[in-house]
Amino acid sequence: MSLEVDVSIRNLAQDLYRAQKRVEELEEKLRQLGESSPERAVLEVRFREAVAERDKLRKMLEEAKGK
């Protein structure tokens, strides 16, 4: 692999790590909130967006490593 590809993979891995931490953070906040909390709906949307971003980054990293 070239240096450029290694750097790209490393950057994707770092982004994936941050995205996973964000998912975990939001998961914990949702666990702490009651079902009827007004914040819950907003957090659920953010959680779904964070999961989608994490999954996209995971796929990109897998594809980059496969090349």
N, C-alpha and C. Protein backbone atom coordinates (compact mmCIF):
# COMPACT_ATOMS: atom_id res chain seq x y z
N MET A 1 0.83 -1.19 0.00
CA MET A 1 0.00 0.00 0.00
C MET A 1 0.87 1.24 0.00
N SER A 2 0.36 2.26 -0.63
CA SER A 2 1.11 3.50 -0.66
C SER A 2 0.89 4.28 0.62
N LEU A 3 1.76 5.22 0.85
CA LEU A 3 1.65 6.07 2.03
C LEU A 3 0.33 6.82 2.04
N GLU A 4 -0.10 7.27 0.87
CA GLU A 4 -1.35 8.02 0.76
C GLU A 4 -2.55 7.15 1.20
N VAL A 5 -2.55 5.90 0.80
CA VAL A 5 -3.63 4.99 1.17
C VAL A 5 -3.57 4.71 2.67
N ASP A 6 -2.37 4.51 3.21
CA ASP A 6 -2.21 4.28 4.65
C ASP A 6 -2.76 5.45 5.46
N VAL A 7 -2.46 6.65 5.01
CA VAL A 7 -2.94 7.85 5.71
C VAL A 7 -4.47 7.93 5.62
N SER A 8 -5.01 7.64 4.46
CA SER A 8 -6.44 7.66 4.26
C SER A 8 -7.13 6.64 5.17
N ILE A 9 -6.58 5.45 5.25
CA ILE A 9 -7.14 4.42 6.11
C ILE A 9 -7.04 4.85 7.57
N ARG A 10 -5.92 5.40 7.95
CA ARG A 10 -5.75 5.87 9.32
C ARG A 10 -6.77 6.95 9.66
N ASN A 11 -6.99 7.89 8.74
CA ASN A 11 -7.96 8.96 8.97
C ASN A 11 -9.38 8.39 9.10
N LEU A 12 -9.70 7.44 8.24
CA LEU A 12 -11.02 6.81 8.32
C LEU A 12 -11.18 6.07 9.65
N ALA A 13 -10.14 5.40 10.09
CA ALA A 13 -10.20 4.67 11.36
C ALA A 13 -10.40 5.63 12.52
N GLN A 14 -9.74 6.76 12.48
CA GLN A 14 -9.91 7.76 13.53
C GLN A 14 -11.33 8.33 13.52
N ASP A 15 -11.84 8.60 12.33
CA ASP A 15 -13.21 9.11 12.22
C ASP A 15 -14.21 8.06 12.72
N LEU A 16 -13.96 6.81 12.39
CA LEU A 16 -14.83 5.73 12.85
C LEU A 16 -14.80 5.63 14.37
N TYR A 17 -13.63 5.74 14.95
CA TYR A 17 -13.51 5.70 16.41
C TYR A 17 -14.33 6.82 17.06
N ARG A 18 -14.20 8.03 16.53
CA ARG A 18 -14.96 9.16 17.07
C ARG A 18 -16.46 8.95 16.90
N ALA A 19 -16.86 8.42 15.75
CA ALA A 19 -18.28 8.17 15.51
C ALA A 19 -18.81 7.11 16.48
N GLN A 20 -18.03 6.08 16.73
CA GLN A 20 -18.45 5.03 17.67
C GLN A 20 -18.60 5.61 19.08
N LYS A 21 -17.67 6.45 19.48
CA LYS A 21 -17.76 7.08 20.79
C LYS A 21 -19.01 7.96 20.89
N ARG A 22 -19.34 8.65 19.81
CA ARG A 22 -20.55 9.48 19.79
C ARG A 22 -21.80 8.62 19.94
N VAL A 23 -21.84 7.48 19.25
CA VAL A 23 -22.97 6.56 19.37
C VAL A 23 -23.10 6.10 20.82
N GLU A 24 -21.98 5.72 21.42
CA GLU A 24 -22.00 5.24 22.80
C GLU A 24 -22.47 6.33 23.76
N GLU A 25 -22.02 7.55 23.52
CA GLU A 25 -22.42 8.68 24.36
C GLU A 25 -23.93 8.92 24.29
N LEU A 26 -24.45 8.92 23.08
CA LEU A 26 -25.89 9.13 22.89
C LEU A 26 -26.70 7.97 23.47
N GLU A 27 -26.19 6.77 23.32
CA GLU A 27 -26.85 5.59 23.88
C GLU A 27 -26.99 5.73 25.40
N GLU A 28 -25.92 6.17 26.02
CA GLU A 28 -25.92 6.34 27.47
C GLU A 28 -26.91 7.44 27.88
N LYS A 29 -26.93 8.53 27.15
CA LYS A 29 -27.88 9.61 27.46
C LYS A 29 -29.32 9.12 27.33
N LEU A 30 -29.59 8.32 26.29
CA LEU A 30 -30.93 7.79 26.11
C LEU A 30 -31.31 6.86 27.26
N ARG A 31 -30.35 6.06 27.72
CA ARG A 31 -30.61 5.16 28.84
C ARG A 31 -30.98 5.95 30.10
N GLN A 32 -30.35 7.08 30.27
CA GLN A 32 -30.57 7.88 31.48
C GLN A 32 -31.87 8.67 31.44
N LEU A 33 -32.37 8.94 30.25
CA LEU A 33 -33.61 9.72 30.13
C LEU A 33 -34.83 8.82 30.34
N GLY A 34 -35.83 9.40 30.92
CA GLY A 34 -37.10 8.68 31.04
C GLY A 34 -37.79 8.63 29.68
N GLU A 35 -38.71 7.69 29.57
CA GLU A 35 -39.45 7.52 28.31
C GLU A 35 -40.24 8.77 27.92
N SER A 36 -40.68 9.52 28.89
CA SER A 36 -41.53 10.68 28.60
C SER A 36 -40.75 11.99 28.56
N SER A 37 -39.46 11.91 28.60
CA SER A 37 -38.65 13.13 28.59
C SER A 37 -38.80 13.86 27.26
N PRO A 38 -38.98 15.18 27.31
CA PRO A 38 -39.11 15.93 26.06
C PRO A 38 -37.83 15.91 25.21
N GLU A 39 -36.69 15.68 25.85
CA GLU A 39 -35.41 15.62 25.12
C GLU A 39 -35.26 14.33 24.33
N ARG A 40 -35.99 13.31 24.72
CA ARG A 40 -35.79 11.97 24.17
C ARG A 40 -35.94 11.94 22.64
N ALA A 41 -36.96 12.57 22.11
CA ALA A 41 -37.20 12.54 20.66
C ALA A 41 -36.02 13.15 19.90
N VAL A 42 -35.50 14.24 20.41
CA VAL A 42 -34.36 14.90 19.76
C VAL A 42 -33.14 13.98 19.82
N LEU A 43 -32.91 13.39 21.00
CA LEU A 43 -31.76 12.49 21.14
C LEU A 43 -31.89 11.25 20.28
N GLU A 44 -33.11 10.74 20.13
CA GLU A 44 -33.31 9.56 19.28
C GLU A 44 -32.95 9.87 17.83
N VAL A 45 -33.30 11.06 17.37
CA VAL A 45 -32.94 11.46 16.00
C VAL A 45 -31.42 11.56 15.87
N ARG A 46 -30.79 12.21 16.83
CA ARG A 46 -29.32 12.33 16.81
C ARG A 46 -28.65 10.96 16.87
N PHE A 47 -29.22 10.08 17.67
CA PHE A 47 -28.68 8.72 17.79
C PHE A 47 -28.75 7.99 16.45
N ARG A 48 -29.91 8.05 15.80
CA ARG A 48 -30.05 7.38 14.49
C ARG A 48 -29.07 7.96 13.46
N GLU A 49 -28.90 9.28 13.48
CA GLU A 49 -27.95 9.92 12.57
C GLU A 49 -26.52 9.47 12.87
N ALA A 50 -26.19 9.38 14.15
CA ALA A 50 -24.84 8.96 14.55
C ALA A 50 -24.58 7.52 14.15
N VAL A 51 -25.57 6.66 14.30
CA VAL A 51 -25.42 5.25 13.91
C VAL A 51 -25.23 5.16 12.40
N ALA A 52 -25.99 5.93 11.64
CA ALA A 52 -25.86 5.92 10.18
C ALA A 52 -24.47 6.40 9.76
N GLU A 53 -23.97 7.43 10.40
CA GLU A 53 -22.63 7.95 10.10
C GLU A 53 -21.57 6.91 10.44
N ARG A 54 -21.70 6.29 11.60
CA ARG A 54 -20.75 5.25 12.02
C ARG A 54 -20.74 4.09 11.01
N ASP A 55 -21.92 3.66 10.62
CA ASP A 55 -22.02 2.54 9.68
C ASP A 55 -21.42 2.90 8.32
N LYS A 56 -21.65 4.14 7.88
CA LYS A 56 -21.08 4.60 6.61
C LYS A 56 -19.55 4.60 6.68
N LEU A 57 -19.02 5.11 7.77
CA LEU A 57 -17.56 5.15 7.94
C LEU A 57 -16.98 3.74 8.02
N ARG A 58 -17.67 2.84 8.70
CA ARG A 58 -17.21 1.46 8.80
C ARG A 58 -17.12 0.81 7.41
N LYS A 59 -18.15 1.06 6.61
CA LYS A 59 -18.18 0.52 5.24
C LYS A 59 -17.05 1.11 4.40
N MET A 60 -16.84 2.41 4.52
CA MET A 60 -15.76 3.07 3.77
C MET A 60 -14.40 2.51 4.16
N LEU A 61 -14.22 2.28 5.46
CA LEU A 61 -12.94 1.74 5.94
C LEU A 61 -12.73 0.32 5.42
N GLU A 62 -13.76 -0.49 5.48
CA GLU A 62 -13.65 -1.86 4.97
C GLU A 62 -13.30 -1.86 3.48
N GLU A 63 -13.93 -0.98 2.73
CA GLU A 63 -13.66 -0.89 1.30
C GLU A 63 -12.23 -0.42 1.04
N ALA A 64 -11.78 0.55 1.83
CA ALA A 64 -10.42 1.07 1.66
C ALA A 64 -9.38 0.01 2.00
N LYS A 65 -9.64 -0.78 3.00
CA LYS A 65 -8.70 -1.83 3.39
C LYS A 65 -8.69 -2.97 2.38
N GLY A 66 -9.81 -3.15 1.68
CA GLY A 66 -9.91 -4.23 0.71
C GLY A 66 -9.19 -3.95 -0.59
N LYS A 67 -8.87 -2.70 -0.84
CA LYS A 67 -8.23 -2.32 -2.11
C LYS A 67 -6.75 -2.55 -2.06
